[in-house]
Amino acid sequence: MDFHVRAESDVLIVTVAGRLIADTSVQLGKGLVDALAEAPEEVRSLLINVRDVPYIDSQGLGSVIRAQQVVAARGGRVALAEPQANISRLFTVTKLTDVVSLYDDEASALAALRSSSPE
């Protein structure tokens, strides 16, 4: 799994590549929580770009939800950008779209997260 983090104002953007199964899902969870802990104080929301993630298992879903809980405590939201069709279906079927929004591209996700941030 490849994992790249950058901050753009009040949004932490994490780009992930590779299959998220077993150990890599655990690494994702730790990486997200660590990145949020190290993020500047003004970071409220999390954007995860999963364009290059072909598969995510239940541990990977759990990792995203744990990150969502950390972000919610900061008053922010979590969004996934560019999910492949199977990942979109998984989030929809499990009703995780109620807590993690899905967007076709990173720019739309970033705009939505910024528009929901408190001024």
PDB file of N, CA and C in Angstrom:
ATOM      1  N   MET A   1       0.841  -1.177   0.000  1.00  0.00           N
ATOM      2  CA  MET A   1       0.000   0.000   0.000  1.00  0.00           C
ATOM      3  C   MET A   1       0.885   1.239   0.000  1.00  0.00           C
ATOM      4  N   ASP A   2       0.537   2.187  -0.857  1.00  0.00           N
ATOM      5  CA  ASP A   2       1.190   3.494  -0.856  1.00  0.00           C
ATOM      6  C   ASP A   2       0.244   4.480  -0.195  1.00  0.00           C
ATOM      7  N   PHE A   3       0.836   5.437   0.531  1.00  0.00           N
ATOM      8  CA  PHE A   3       0.068   6.349   1.370  1.00  0.00           C
ATOM      9  C   PHE A   3       0.752   7.708   1.325  1.00  0.00           C
ATOM     10  N   HIS A   4       0.053   8.734   0.817  1.00  0.00           N
ATOM     11  CA  HIS A   4       0.636  10.073   0.720  1.00  0.00           C
ATOM     12  C   HIS A   4      -0.309  11.069   1.382  1.00  0.00           C
ATOM     13  N   VAL A   5       0.239  11.958   2.225  1.00  0.00           N
ATOM     14  CA  VAL A   5      -0.564  12.918   2.988  1.00  0.00           C
ATOM     15  C   VAL A   5      -0.149  14.340   2.647  1.00  0.00           C
ATOM     16  N   ARG A   6      -1.152  15.199   2.486  1.00  0.00           N
ATOM     17  CA  ARG A   6      -0.892  16.634   2.347  1.00  0.00           C
ATOM     18  C   ARG A   6      -2.079  17.387   2.948  1.00  0.00           C
ATOM     19  N   ALA A   7      -1.826  18.575   3.424  1.00  0.00           N
ATOM     20  CA  ALA A   7      -2.891  19.409   3.987  1.00  0.00           C
ATOM     21  C   ALA A   7      -3.136  20.585   3.061  1.00  0.00           C
ATOM     22  N   GLU A   8      -4.400  20.897   2.850  1.00  0.00           N
ATOM     23  CA  GLU A   8      -4.796  22.092   2.102  1.00  0.00           C
ATOM     24  C   GLU A   8      -5.787  22.834   2.983  1.00  0.00           C
ATOM     25  N   SER A   9      -5.330  23.885   3.587  1.00  0.00           N
ATOM     26  CA  SER A   9      -6.065  24.696   4.567  1.00  0.00           C
ATOM     27  C   SER A   9      -6.655  23.801   5.650  1.00  0.00           C
ATOM     28  N   ASP A  10      -7.969  23.637   5.725  1.00  0.00           N
ATOM     29  CA  ASP A  10      -8.569  22.882   6.821  1.00  0.00           C
ATOM     30  C   ASP A  10      -8.919  21.443   6.456  1.00  0.00           C
ATOM     31  N   VAL A  11      -8.359  20.941   5.346  1.00  0.00           N
ATOM     32  CA  VAL A  11      -8.637  19.571   4.907  1.00  0.00           C
ATOM     33  C   VAL A  11      -7.319  18.801   4.773  1.00  0.00           C
ATOM     34  N   LEU A  12      -7.294  17.611   5.375  1.00  0.00           N
ATOM     35  CA  LEU A  12      -6.164  16.703   5.215  1.00  0.00           C
ATOM     36  C   LEU A  12      -6.502  15.775   4.061  1.00  0.00           C
ATOM     37  N   ILE A  13      -5.633  15.719   3.068  1.00  0.00           N
ATOM     38  CA  ILE A  13      -5.868  14.880   1.890  1.00  0.00           C
ATOM     39  C   ILE A  13      -4.896  13.715   1.929  1.00  0.00           C
ATOM     40  N   VAL A  14      -5.463  12.511   1.910  1.00  0.00           N
ATOM     41  CA  VAL A  14      -4.665  11.293   1.936  1.00  0.00           C
ATOM     42  C   VAL A  14      -4.949  10.526   0.645  1.00  0.00           C
ATOM     43  N   THR A  15      -3.898  10.242  -0.093  1.00  0.00           N
ATOM     44  CA  THR A  15      -4.019   9.452  -1.317  1.00  0.00           C
ATOM     45  C   THR A  15      -3.492   8.055  -1.019  1.00  0.00           C
ATOM     46  N   VAL A  16      -4.316   7.068  -1.310  1.00  0.00           N
ATOM     47  CA  VAL A  16      -3.985   5.679  -1.006  1.00  0.00           C
ATOM     48  C   VAL A  16      -3.967   4.884  -2.306  1.00  0.00           C
ATOM     49  N   ALA A  17      -3.029   3.946  -2.419  1.00  0.00           N
ATOM     50  CA  ALA A  17      -2.967   3.071  -3.590  1.00  0.00           C
ATOM     51  C   ALA A  17      -2.686   1.650  -3.128  1.00  0.00           C
ATOM     52  N   GLY A  18      -3.337   0.700  -3.774  1.00  0.00           N
ATOM     53  CA  GLY A  18      -3.117  -0.708  -3.456  1.00  0.00           C
ATOM     54  C   GLY A  18      -4.346  -1.345  -2.836  1.00  0.00           C
ATOM     55  N   ARG A  19      -4.333  -2.663  -2.769  1.00  0.00           N
ATOM     56  CA  ARG A  19      -5.442  -3.412  -2.162  1.00  0.00           C
ATOM     57  C   ARG A  19      -5.412  -3.224  -0.651  1.00  0.00           C
ATOM     58  N   LEU A  20      -6.553  -2.938  -0.082  1.00  0.00           N
ATOM     59  CA  LEU A  20      -6.655  -2.759   1.366  1.00  0.00           C
ATOM     60  C   LEU A  20      -7.246  -4.019   1.981  1.00  0.00           C
ATOM     61  N   ILE A  21      -6.344  -4.925   2.304  1.00  0.00           N
ATOM     62  CA  ILE A  21      -6.737  -6.201   2.901  1.00  0.00           C
ATOM     63  C   ILE A  21      -5.813  -6.495   4.073  1.00  0.00           C
ATOM     64  N   ALA A  22      -6.367  -7.133   5.092  1.00  0.00           N
ATOM     65  CA  ALA A  22      -5.607  -7.583   6.262  1.00  0.00           C
ATOM     66  C   ALA A  22      -4.618  -6.540   6.766  1.00  0.00           C
ATOM     67  N   ASP A  23      -3.322  -6.836   6.662  1.00  0.00           N
ATOM     68  CA  ASP A  23      -2.291  -5.960   7.224  1.00  0.00           C
ATOM     69  C   ASP A  23      -2.295  -4.550   6.621  1.00  0.00           C
ATOM     70  N   THR A  24      -2.575  -4.446   5.329  1.00  0.00           N
ATOM     71  CA  THR A  24      -2.577  -3.109   4.732  1.00  0.00           C
ATOM     72  C   THR A  24      -3.761  -2.284   5.242  1.00  0.00           C
ATOM     73  N   SER A  25      -4.874  -2.933   5.560  1.00  0.00           N
ATOM     74  CA  SER A  25      -6.007  -2.225   6.150  1.00  0.00           C
ATOM     75  C   SER A  25      -5.661  -1.710   7.537  1.00  0.00           C
ATOM     76  N   VAL A  26      -4.937  -2.511   8.296  1.00  0.00           N
ATOM     77  CA  VAL A  26      -4.485  -2.095   9.622  1.00  0.00           C
ATOM     78  C   VAL A  26      -3.515  -0.923   9.489  1.00  0.00           C
ATOM     79  N   GLN A  27      -2.593  -1.006   8.515  1.00  0.00           N
ATOM     80  CA  GLN A  27      -1.656   0.090   8.262  1.00  0.00           C
ATOM     81  C   GLN A  27      -2.402   1.365   7.879  1.00  0.00           C
ATOM     82  N   LEU A  28      -3.455   1.221   7.075  1.00  0.00           N
ATOM     83  CA  LEU A  28      -4.258   2.380   6.691  1.00  0.00           C
ATOM     84  C   LEU A  28      -4.858   3.032   7.931  1.00  0.00           C
ATOM     85  N   GLY A  29      -5.457   2.229   8.799  1.00  0.00           N
ATOM     86  CA  GLY A  29      -6.064   2.776  10.011  1.00  0.00           C
ATOM     87  C   GLY A  29      -5.067   3.529  10.861  1.00  0.00           C
ATOM     88  N   LYS A  30      -3.924   2.938  11.087  1.00  0.00           N
ATOM     89  CA  LYS A  30      -2.886   3.591  11.886  1.00  0.00           C
ATOM     90  C   LYS A  30      -2.392   4.850  11.185  1.00  0.00           C
ATOM     91  N   GLY A  31      -2.189   4.766   9.872  1.00  0.00           N
ATOM     92  CA  GLY A  31      -1.710   5.910   9.114  1.00  0.00           C
ATOM     93  C   GLY A  31      -2.682   7.080   9.141  1.00  0.00           C
ATOM     94  N   LEU A  32      -3.986   6.797   9.033  1.00  0.00           N
ATOM     95  CA  LEU A  32      -4.985   7.864   9.077  1.00  0.00           C
ATOM     96  C   LEU A  32      -5.024   8.532  10.443  1.00  0.00           C
ATOM     97  N   VAL A  33      -5.048   7.725  11.491  1.00  0.00           N
ATOM     98  CA  VAL A  33      -5.100   8.282  12.855  1.00  0.00           C
ATOM     99  C   VAL A  33      -3.835   9.075  13.156  1.00  0.00           C
ATOM    100  N   ASP A  34      -2.674   8.536  12.769  1.00  0.00           N
ATOM    101  CA  ASP A  34      -1.412   9.258  12.992  1.00  0.00           C
ATOM    102  C   ASP A  34      -1.371  10.565  12.202  1.00  0.00           C
ATOM    103  N   ALA A  35      -1.814  10.530  10.947  1.00  0.00           N
ATOM    104  CA  ALA A  35      -1.803  11.739  10.118  1.00  0.00           C
ATOM    105  C   ALA A  35      -2.717  12.806  10.710  1.00  0.00           C
ATOM    106  N   LEU A  36      -3.860  12.397  11.219  1.00  0.00           N
ATOM    107  CA  LEU A  36      -4.771  13.357  11.848  1.00  0.00           C
ATOM    108  C   LEU A  36      -4.167  13.931  13.125  1.00  0.00           C
ATOM    109  N   ALA A  37      -3.497  13.089  13.892  1.00  0.00           N
ATOM    110  CA  ALA A  37      -2.879  13.557  15.138  1.00  0.00           C
ATOM    111  C   ALA A  37      -1.762  14.563  14.862  1.00  0.00           C
ATOM    112  N   GLU A  38      -1.054  14.368  13.749  1.00  0.00           N
ATOM    113  CA  GLU A  38       0.071  15.246  13.405  1.00  0.00           C
ATOM    114  C   GLU A  38      -0.350  16.453  12.563  1.00  0.00           C
ATOM    115  N   ALA A  39      -1.608  16.479  12.139  1.00  0.00           N
ATOM    116  CA  ALA A  39      -2.086  17.554  11.267  1.00  0.00           C
ATOM    117  C   ALA A  39      -2.162  18.876  12.025  1.00  0.00           C
ATOM    118  N   PRO A  40      -2.009  19.970  11.313  1.00  0.00           N
ATOM    119  CA  PRO A  40      -2.163  21.279  11.952  1.00  0.00           C
ATOM    120  C   PRO A  40      -3.538  21.392  12.623  1.00  0.00           C
ATOM    121  N   GLU A  41      -3.605  22.206  13.640  1.00  0.00           N
ATOM    122  CA  GLU A  41      -4.829  22.349  14.427  1.00  0.00           C
ATOM    123  C   GLU A  41      -6.029  22.773  13.583  1.00  0.00           C
ATOM    124  N   GLU A  42      -5.803  23.563  12.533  1.00  0.00           N
ATOM    125  CA  GLU A  42      -6.922  24.041  11.724  1.00  0.00           C
ATOM    126  C   GLU A  42      -7.550  22.963  10.844  1.00  0.00           C
ATOM    127  N   VAL A  43      -6.886  21.808  10.704  1.00  0.00           N
ATOM    128  CA  VAL A  43      -7.440  20.715   9.896  1.00  0.00           C
ATOM    129  C   VAL A  43      -8.643  20.125  10.619  1.00  0.00           C
ATOM    130  N   ARG A  44      -9.776  20.146   9.925  1.00  0.00           N
ATOM    131  CA  ARG A  44     -11.008  19.609  10.497  1.00  0.00           C
ATOM    132  C   ARG A  44     -11.505  18.372   9.739  1.00  0.00           C
ATOM    133  N   SER A  45     -11.326  18.380   8.423  1.00  0.00           N
ATOM    134  CA  SER A  45     -11.909  17.320   7.600  1.00  0.00           C
ATOM    135  C   SER A  45     -10.840  16.474   6.925  1.00  0.00           C
ATOM    136  N   LEU A  46     -11.268  15.317   6.449  1.00  0.00           N
ATOM    137  CA  LEU A  46     -10.368  14.336   5.833  1.00  0.00           C
ATOM    138  C   LEU A  46     -10.921  13.921   4.484  1.00  0.00           C
ATOM    139  N   LEU A  47     -10.074  14.019   3.474  1.00  0.00           N
ATOM    140  CA  LEU A  47     -10.399  13.559   2.133  1.00  0.00           C
ATOM    141  C   LEU A  47      -9.472  12.399   1.809  1.00  0.00           C
ATOM    142  N   ILE A  48     -10.048  11.255   1.507  1.00  0.00           N
ATOM    143  CA  ILE A  48      -9.253  10.071   1.158  1.00  0.00           C
ATOM    144  C   ILE A  48      -9.474   9.791  -0.324  1.00  0.00           C
ATOM    145  N   ASN A  49      -8.412   9.928  -1.116  1.00  0.00           N
ATOM    146  CA  ASN A  49      -8.494   9.629  -2.537  1.00  0.00           C
ATOM    147  C   ASN A  49      -8.142   8.159  -2.724  1.00  0.00           C
ATOM    148  N   VAL A  50      -9.127   7.393  -3.197  1.00  0.00           N
ATOM    149  CA  VAL A  50      -8.955   5.940  -3.348  1.00  0.00           C
ATOM    150  C   VAL A  50      -8.967   5.522  -4.818  1.00  0.00           C
ATOM    151  N   ARG A  51      -8.606   6.448  -5.693  1.00  0.00           N
ATOM    152  CA  ARG A  51      -8.585   6.180  -7.137  1.00  0.00           C
ATOM    153  C   ARG A  51      -7.831   4.886  -7.466  1.00  0.00           C
ATOM    154  N   ASP A  52      -6.719   4.646  -6.790  1.00  0.00           N
ATOM    155  CA  ASP A  52      -5.878   3.486  -7.093  1.00  0.00           C
ATOM    156  C   ASP A  52      -6.041   2.355  -6.077  1.00  0.00           C
ATOM    157  N   VAL A  53      -7.229   2.272  -5.488  1.00  0.00           N
ATOM    158  CA  VAL A  53      -7.543   1.181  -4.552  1.00  0.00           C
ATOM    159  C   VAL A  53      -8.578   0.284  -5.235  1.00  0.00           C
ATOM    160  N   PRO A  54      -8.164  -0.905  -5.676  1.00  0.00           N
ATOM    161  CA  PRO A  54      -9.094  -1.781  -6.377  1.00  0.00           C
ATOM    162  C   PRO A  54     -10.006  -2.585  -5.452  1.00  0.00           C
ATOM    163  N   TYR A  55      -9.624  -2.703  -4.169  1.00  0.00           N
ATOM    164  CA  TYR A  55     -10.395  -3.551  -3.253  1.00  0.00           C
ATOM    165  C   TYR A  55     -10.168  -3.084  -1.822  1.00  0.00           C
ATOM    166  N   ILE A  56     -11.237  -3.142  -1.026  1.00  0.00           N
ATOM    167  CA  ILE A  56     -11.129  -2.817   0.391  1.00  0.00           C
ATOM    168  C   ILE A  56     -11.926  -3.863   1.178  1.00  0.00           C
ATOM    169  N   ASP A  57     -11.323  -4.405   2.229  1.00  0.00           N
ATOM    170  CA  ASP A  57     -12.012  -5.413   3.031  1.00  0.00           C
ATOM    171  C   ASP A  57     -12.679  -4.766   4.250  1.00  0.00           C
ATOM    172  N   SER A  58     -13.282  -5.590   5.097  1.00  0.00           N
ATOM    173  CA  SER A  58     -14.008  -5.066   6.262  1.00  0.00           C
ATOM    174  C   SER A  58     -13.079  -4.330   7.229  1.00  0.00           C
ATOM    175  N   GLN A  59     -11.839  -4.763   7.340  1.00  0.00           N
ATOM    176  CA  GLN A  59     -10.891  -4.045   8.199  1.00  0.00           C
ATOM    177  C   GLN A  59     -10.597  -2.661   7.627  1.00  0.00           C
ATOM    178  N   GLY A  60     -10.543  -2.570   6.323  1.00  0.00           N
ATOM    179  CA  GLY A  60     -10.341  -1.280   5.684  1.00  0.00           C
ATOM    180  C   GLY A  60     -11.520  -0.351   5.934  1.00  0.00           C
ATOM    181  N   LEU A  61     -12.734  -0.889   5.861  1.00  0.00           N
ATOM    182  CA  LEU A  61     -13.919  -0.097   6.186  1.00  0.00           C
ATOM    183  C   LEU A  61     -13.845   0.391   7.631  1.00  0.00           C
ATOM    184  N   GLY A  62     -13.442  -0.497   8.526  1.00  0.00           N
ATOM    185  CA  GLY A  62     -13.300  -0.123   9.933  1.00  0.00           C
ATOM    186  C   GLY A  62     -12.271   0.976  10.128  1.00  0.00           C
ATOM    187  N   SER A  63     -11.206   0.933   9.365  1.00  0.00           N
ATOM    188  CA  SER A  63     -10.173   1.969   9.457  1.00  0.00           C
ATOM    189  C   SER A  63     -10.716   3.330   9.041  1.00  0.00           C
ATOM    190  N   VAL A  64     -11.521   3.352   7.989  1.00  0.00           N
ATOM    191  CA  VAL A  64     -12.120   4.607   7.539  1.00  0.00           C
ATOM    192  C   VAL A  64     -13.095   5.130   8.602  1.00  0.00           C
ATOM    193  N   ILE A  65     -13.871   4.240   9.197  1.00  0.00           N
ATOM    194  CA  ILE A  65     -14.843   4.660  10.218  1.00  0.00           C
ATOM    195  C   ILE A  65     -14.129   5.165  11.473  1.00  0.00           C
ATOM    196  N   ARG A  66     -13.039   4.537  11.863  1.00  0.00           N
ATOM    197  CA  ARG A  66     -12.277   5.045  13.018  1.00  0.00           C
ATOM    198  C   ARG A  66     -11.739   6.445  12.727  1.00  0.00           C
ATOM    199  N   ALA A  67     -11.263   6.658  11.527  1.00  0.00           N
ATOM    200  CA  ALA A  67     -10.787   7.995  11.154  1.00  0.00           C
ATOM    201  C   ALA A  67     -11.953   8.982  11.163  1.00  0.00           C
ATOM    202  N   GLN A  68     -13.121   8.534  10.716  1.00  0.00           N
ATOM    203  CA  GLN A  68     -14.301   9.399  10.715  1.00  0.00           C
ATOM    204  C   GLN A  68     -14.642   9.834  12.140  1.00  0.00           C
ATOM    205  N   GLN A  69     -14.495   8.938  13.100  1.00  0.00           N
ATOM    206  CA  GLN A  69     -14.779   9.282  14.492  1.00  0.00           C
ATOM    207  C   GLN A  69     -13.811  10.344  15.004  1.00  0.00           C
ATOM    208  N   VAL A  70     -12.542  10.234  14.632  1.00  0.00           N
ATOM    209  CA  VAL A  70     -11.545  11.234  15.027  1.00  0.00           C
ATOM    210  C   VAL A  70     -11.888  12.583  14.391  1.00  0.00           C
ATOM    211  N   VAL A  71     -12.255  12.560  13.117  1.00  0.00           N
ATOM    212  CA  VAL A  71     -12.596  13.779  12.396  1.00  0.00           C
ATOM    213  C   VAL A  71     -13.868  14.414  12.968  1.00  0.00           C
ATOM    214  N   ALA A  72     -14.853  13.595  13.303  1.00  0.00           N
ATOM    215  CA  ALA A  72     -16.098  14.117  13.878  1.00  0.00           C
ATOM    216  C   ALA A  72     -15.825  14.839  15.194  1.00  0.00           C
ATOM    217  N   ALA A  73     -14.873  14.336  15.970  1.00  0.00           N
ATOM    218  CA  ALA A  73     -14.509  14.988  17.233  1.00  0.00           C
ATOM    219  C   ALA A  73     -13.882  16.362  16.983  1.00  0.00           C
ATOM    220  N   ARG A  74     -13.321  16.570  15.793  1.00  0.00           N
ATOM    221  CA  ARG A  74     -12.744  17.872  15.415  1.00  0.00           C
ATOM    222  C   ARG A  74     -13.797  18.784  14.786  1.00  0.00           C
ATOM    223  N   GLY A  75     -15.003  18.256  14.612  1.00  0.00           N
ATOM    224  CA  GLY A  75     -16.065  19.041  13.988  1.00  0.00           C
ATOM    225  C   GLY A  75     -16.061  18.972  12.478  1.00  0.00           C
ATOM    226  N   GLY A  76     -15.391  17.958  11.914  1.00  0.00           N
ATOM    227  CA  GLY A  76     -15.278  17.855  10.467  1.00  0.00           C
ATOM    228  C   GLY A  76     -15.995  16.659   9.881  1.00  0.00           C
ATOM    229  N   ARG A  77     -15.734  16.433   8.595  1.00  0.00           N
ATOM    230  CA  ARG A  77     -16.344  15.326   7.863  1.00  0.00           C
ATOM    231  C   ARG A  77     -15.278  14.558   7.098  1.00  0.00           C
ATOM    232  N   VAL A  78     -15.658  13.361   6.657  1.00  0.00           N
ATOM    233  CA  VAL A  78     -14.775  12.530   5.834  1.00  0.00           C
ATOM    234  C   VAL A  78     -15.435  12.323   4.484  1.00  0.00           C
ATOM    235  N   ALA A  79     -14.614  12.376   3.430  1.00  0.00           N
ATOM    236  CA  ALA A  79     -15.099  12.103   2.076  1.00  0.00           C
ATOM    237  C   ALA A  79     -14.103  11.187   1.377  1.00  0.00           C
ATOM    238  N   LEU A  80     -14.639  10.345   0.494  1.00  0.00           N
ATOM    239  CA  LEU A  80     -13.809   9.516  -0.377  1.00  0.00           C
ATOM    240  C   LEU A  80     -13.913  10.085  -1.779  1.00  0.00           C
ATOM    241  N   ALA A  81     -12.780  10.225  -2.445  1.00  0.00           N
ATOM    242  CA  ALA A  81     -12.765  10.710  -3.821  1.00  0.00           C
ATOM    243  C   ALA A  81     -12.345   9.598  -4.767  1.00  0.00           C
ATOM    244  N   GLU A  82     -12.993   9.564  -5.908  1.00  0.00           N
ATOM    245  CA  GLU A  82     -12.659   8.686  -7.027  1.00  0.00           C
ATOM    246  C   GLU A  82     -12.715   7.196  -6.701  1.00  0.00           C
ATOM    247  N   PRO A  83     -13.732   6.748  -5.936  1.00  0.00           N
ATOM    248  CA  PRO A  83     -13.807   5.310  -5.665  1.00  0.00           C
ATOM    249  C   PRO A  83     -14.193   4.536  -6.922  1.00  0.00           C
ATOM    250  N   GLN A  84     -13.611   3.368  -7.074  1.00  0.00           N
ATOM    251  CA  GLN A  84     -14.008   2.485  -8.164  1.00  0.00           C
ATOM    252  C   GLN A  84     -15.420   1.981  -7.868  1.00  0.00           C
ATOM    253  N   ALA A  85     -16.104   1.487  -8.882  1.00  0.00           N
ATOM    254  CA  ALA A  85     -17.517   1.096  -8.761  1.00  0.00           C
ATOM    255  C   ALA A  85     -17.757   0.103  -7.622  1.00  0.00           C
ATOM    256  N   ASN A  86     -16.883  -0.886  -7.462  1.00  0.00           N
ATOM    257  CA  ASN A  86     -17.088  -1.884  -6.413  1.00  0.00           C
ATOM    258  C   ASN A  86     -16.966  -1.271  -5.019  1.00  0.00           C
ATOM    259  N   ILE A  87     -16.115  -0.283  -4.854  1.00  0.00           N
ATOM    260  CA  ILE A  87     -15.956   0.370  -3.556  1.00  0.00           C
ATOM    261  C   ILE A  87     -17.155   1.281  -3.289  1.00  0.00           C
ATOM    262  N   SER A  88     -17.636   1.962  -4.298  1.00  0.00           N
ATOM    263  CA  SER A  88     -18.854   2.767  -4.141  1.00  0.00           C
ATOM    264  C   SER A  88     -20.023   1.894  -3.709  1.00  0.00           C
ATOM    265  N   ARG A  89     -20.171   0.743  -4.365  1.00  0.00           N
ATOM    266  CA  ARG A  89     -21.250  -0.188  -4.003  1.00  0.00           C
ATOM    267  C   ARG A  89     -21.117  -0.651  -2.558  1.00  0.00           C
ATOM    268  N   LEU A  90     -19.900  -0.971  -2.150  1.00  0.00           N
ATOM    269  CA  LEU A  90     -19.667  -1.443  -0.785  1.00  0.00           C
ATOM    270  C   LEU A  90     -20.082  -0.384   0.230  1.00  0.00           C
ATOM    271  N   PHE A  91     -19.697   0.858   0.020  1.00  0.00           N
ATOM    272  CA  PHE A  91     -20.069   1.931   0.946  1.00  0.00           C
ATOM    273  C   PHE A  91     -21.579   2.184   0.919  1.00  0.00           C
ATOM    274  N   THR A  92     -22.197   2.030  -0.252  1.00  0.00           N
ATOM    275  CA  THR A  92     -23.638   2.243  -0.363  1.00  0.00           C
ATOM    276  C   THR A  92     -24.413   1.115   0.310  1.00  0.00           C
ATOM    277  N   VAL A  93     -24.053  -0.128   0.013  1.00  0.00           N
ATOM    278  CA  VAL A  93     -24.748  -1.286   0.580  1.00  0.00           C
ATOM    279  C   VAL A  93     -24.637  -1.323   2.105  1.00  0.00           C
ATOM    280  N   THR A  94     -23.489  -0.954   2.632  1.00  0.00           N
ATOM    281  CA  THR A  94     -23.294  -0.968   4.090  1.00  0.00           C
ATOM    282  C   THR A  94     -23.820   0.300   4.754  1.00  0.00           C
ATOM    283  N   LYS A  95     -24.392   1.210   3.940  1.00  0.00           N
ATOM    284  CA  LYS A  95     -24.943   2.484   4.418  1.00  0.00           C
ATOM    285  C   LYS A  95     -23.897   3.396   5.053  1.00  0.00           C
ATOM    286  N   LEU A  96     -22.645   3.161   4.731  1.00  0.00           N
ATOM    287  CA  LEU A  96     -21.578   4.027   5.233  1.00  0.00           C
ATOM    288  C   LEU A  96     -21.584   5.383   4.548  1.00  0.00           C
ATOM    289  N   THR A  97     -22.342   5.506   3.463  1.00  0.00           N
ATOM    290  CA  THR A  97     -22.467   6.804   2.805  1.00  0.00           C
ATOM    291  C   THR A  97     -23.233   7.796   3.690  1.00  0.00           C
ATOM    292  N   ASP A  98     -23.849   7.295   4.754  1.00  0.00           N
ATOM    293  CA  ASP A  98     -24.499   8.189   5.719  1.00  0.00           C
ATOM    294  C   ASP A  98     -23.466   8.984   6.516  1.00  0.00           C
ATOM    295  N   VAL A  99     -22.237   8.453   6.628  1.00  0.00           N
ATOM    296  CA  VAL A  99     -21.193   9.128   7.418  1.00  0.00           C
ATOM    297  C   VAL A  99     -19.958   9.492   6.600  1.00  0.00           C
ATOM    298  N   VAL A 100     -19.787   8.877   5.446  1.00  0.00           N
ATOM    299  CA  VAL A 100     -18.647   9.157   4.567  1.00  0.00           C
ATOM    300  C   VAL A 100     -19.205   9.436   3.171  1.00  0.00           C
ATOM    301  N   SER A 101     -19.039  10.654   2.710  1.00  0.00           N
ATOM    302  CA  SER A 101     -19.555  11.039   1.395  1.00  0.00           C
ATOM    303  C   SER A 101     -18.609  10.566   0.300  1.00  0.00           C
ATOM    304  N   LEU A 102     -19.177  10.208  -0.854  1.00  0.00           N
ATOM    305  CA  LEU A 102     -18.401   9.753  -2.007  1.00  0.00           C
ATOM    306  C   LEU A 102     -18.496  10.789  -3.125  1.00  0.00           C
ATOM    307  N   TYR A 103     -17.367  11.048  -3.777  1.00  0.00           N
ATOM    308  CA  TYR A 103     -17.303  12.029  -4.862  1.00  0.00           C
ATOM    309  C   TYR A 103     -16.536  11.442  -6.038  1.00  0.00           C
ATOM    310  N   ASP A 104     -16.936  11.853  -7.240  1.00  0.00           N
ATOM    311  CA  ASP A 104     -16.301  11.354  -8.457  1.00  0.00           C
ATOM    312  C   ASP A 104     -14.886  11.862  -8.650  1.00  0.00           C
ATOM    313  N   ASP A 105     -14.585  13.045  -8.081  1.00  0.00           N
ATOM    314  CA  ASP A 105     -13.238  13.587  -8.246  1.00  0.00           C
ATOM    315  C   ASP A 105     -12.818  14.344  -6.988  1.00  0.00           C
ATOM    316  N   GLU A 106     -11.527  14.530  -6.866  1.00  0.00           N
ATOM    317  CA  GLU A 106     -10.950  15.165  -5.678  1.00  0.00           C
ATOM    318  C   GLU A 106     -11.390  16.624  -5.531  1.00  0.00           C
ATOM    319  N   ALA A 107     -11.494  17.336  -6.635  1.00  0.00           N
ATOM    320  CA  ALA A 107     -11.875  18.755  -6.579  1.00  0.00           C
ATOM    321  C   ALA A 107     -13.285  18.919  -6.009  1.00  0.00           C
ATOM    322  N   SER A 108     -14.218  18.074  -6.439  1.00  0.00           N
ATOM    323  CA  SER A 108     -15.594  18.144  -5.920  1.00  0.00           C
ATOM    324  C   SER A 108     -15.642  17.806  -4.437  1.00  0.00           C
ATOM    325  N   ALA A 109     -14.898  16.804  -4.044  1.00  0.00           N
ATOM    326  CA  ALA A 109     -14.869  16.420  -2.632  1.00  0.00           C
ATOM    327  C   ALA A 109     -14.281  17.540  -1.781  1.00  0.00           C
ATOM    328  N   LEU A 110     -13.207  18.111  -2.254  1.00  0.00           N
ATOM    329  CA  LEU A 110     -12.556  19.197  -1.522  1.00  0.00           C
ATOM    330  C   LEU A 110     -13.493  20.402  -1.397  1.00  0.00           C
ATOM    331  N   ALA A 111     -14.176  20.746  -2.468  1.00  0.00           N
ATOM    332  CA  ALA A 111     -15.119  21.869  -2.432  1.00  0.00           C
ATOM    333  C   ALA A 111     -16.257  21.598  -1.454  1.00  0.00           C
ATOM    334  N   ALA A 112     -16.771  20.381  -1.442  1.00  0.00           N
ATOM    335  CA  ALA A 112     -17.866  20.038  -0.531  1.00  0.00           C
ATOM    336  C   ALA A 112     -17.414  20.089   0.926  1.00  0.00           C
ATOM    337  N   LEU A 113     -16.223  19.574   1.205  1.00  0.00           N
ATOM    338  CA  LEU A 113     -15.722  19.596   2.572  1.00  0.00           C
ATOM    339  C   LEU A 113     -15.474  21.035   3.030  1.00  0.00           C
ATOM    340  N   ARG A 114     -14.961  21.841   2.155  1.00  0.00           N
ATOM    341  CA  ARG A 114     -14.697  23.249   2.520  1.00  0.00           C
ATOM    342  C   ARG A 114     -15.987  24.031   2.734  1.00  0.00           C
ATOM    343  N   SER A 115     -17.009  23.734   1.945  1.00  0.00           N
ATOM    344  CA  SER A 115     -18.268  24.467   2.065  1.00  0.00           C
ATOM    345  C   SER A 115     -18.995  24.118   3.361  1.00  0.00           C
ATOM    346  N   SER A 116     -18.672  22.962   3.931  1.00  0.00           N
ATOM    347  CA  SER A 116     -19.339  22.557   5.177  1.00  0.00           C
ATOM    348  C   SER A 116     -18.534  22.941   6.405  1.00  0.00           C
ATOM    349  N   SER A 117     -17.370  23.540   6.216  1.00  0.00           N
ATOM    350  CA  SER A 117     -16.529  23.949   7.340  1.00  0.00           C
ATOM    351  C   SER A 117     -17.074  25.221   7.971  1.00  0.00           C
ATOM    352  N   PRO A 118     -16.977  25.309   9.317  1.00  0.00           N
ATOM    353  CA  PRO A 118     -17.411  26.542   9.958  1.00  0.00           C
ATOM    354  C   PRO A 118     -16.474  27.683   9.596  1.00  0.00           C
ATOM    355  N   GLU A 119     -17.022  28.856   9.430  1.00  0.00           N
ATOM    356  CA  GLU A 119     -16.215  30.033   9.069  1.00  0.00           C
ATOM    357  C   GLU A 119     -15.507  30.580  10.295  1.00  0.00           C
TER     358      GLU A 119
END
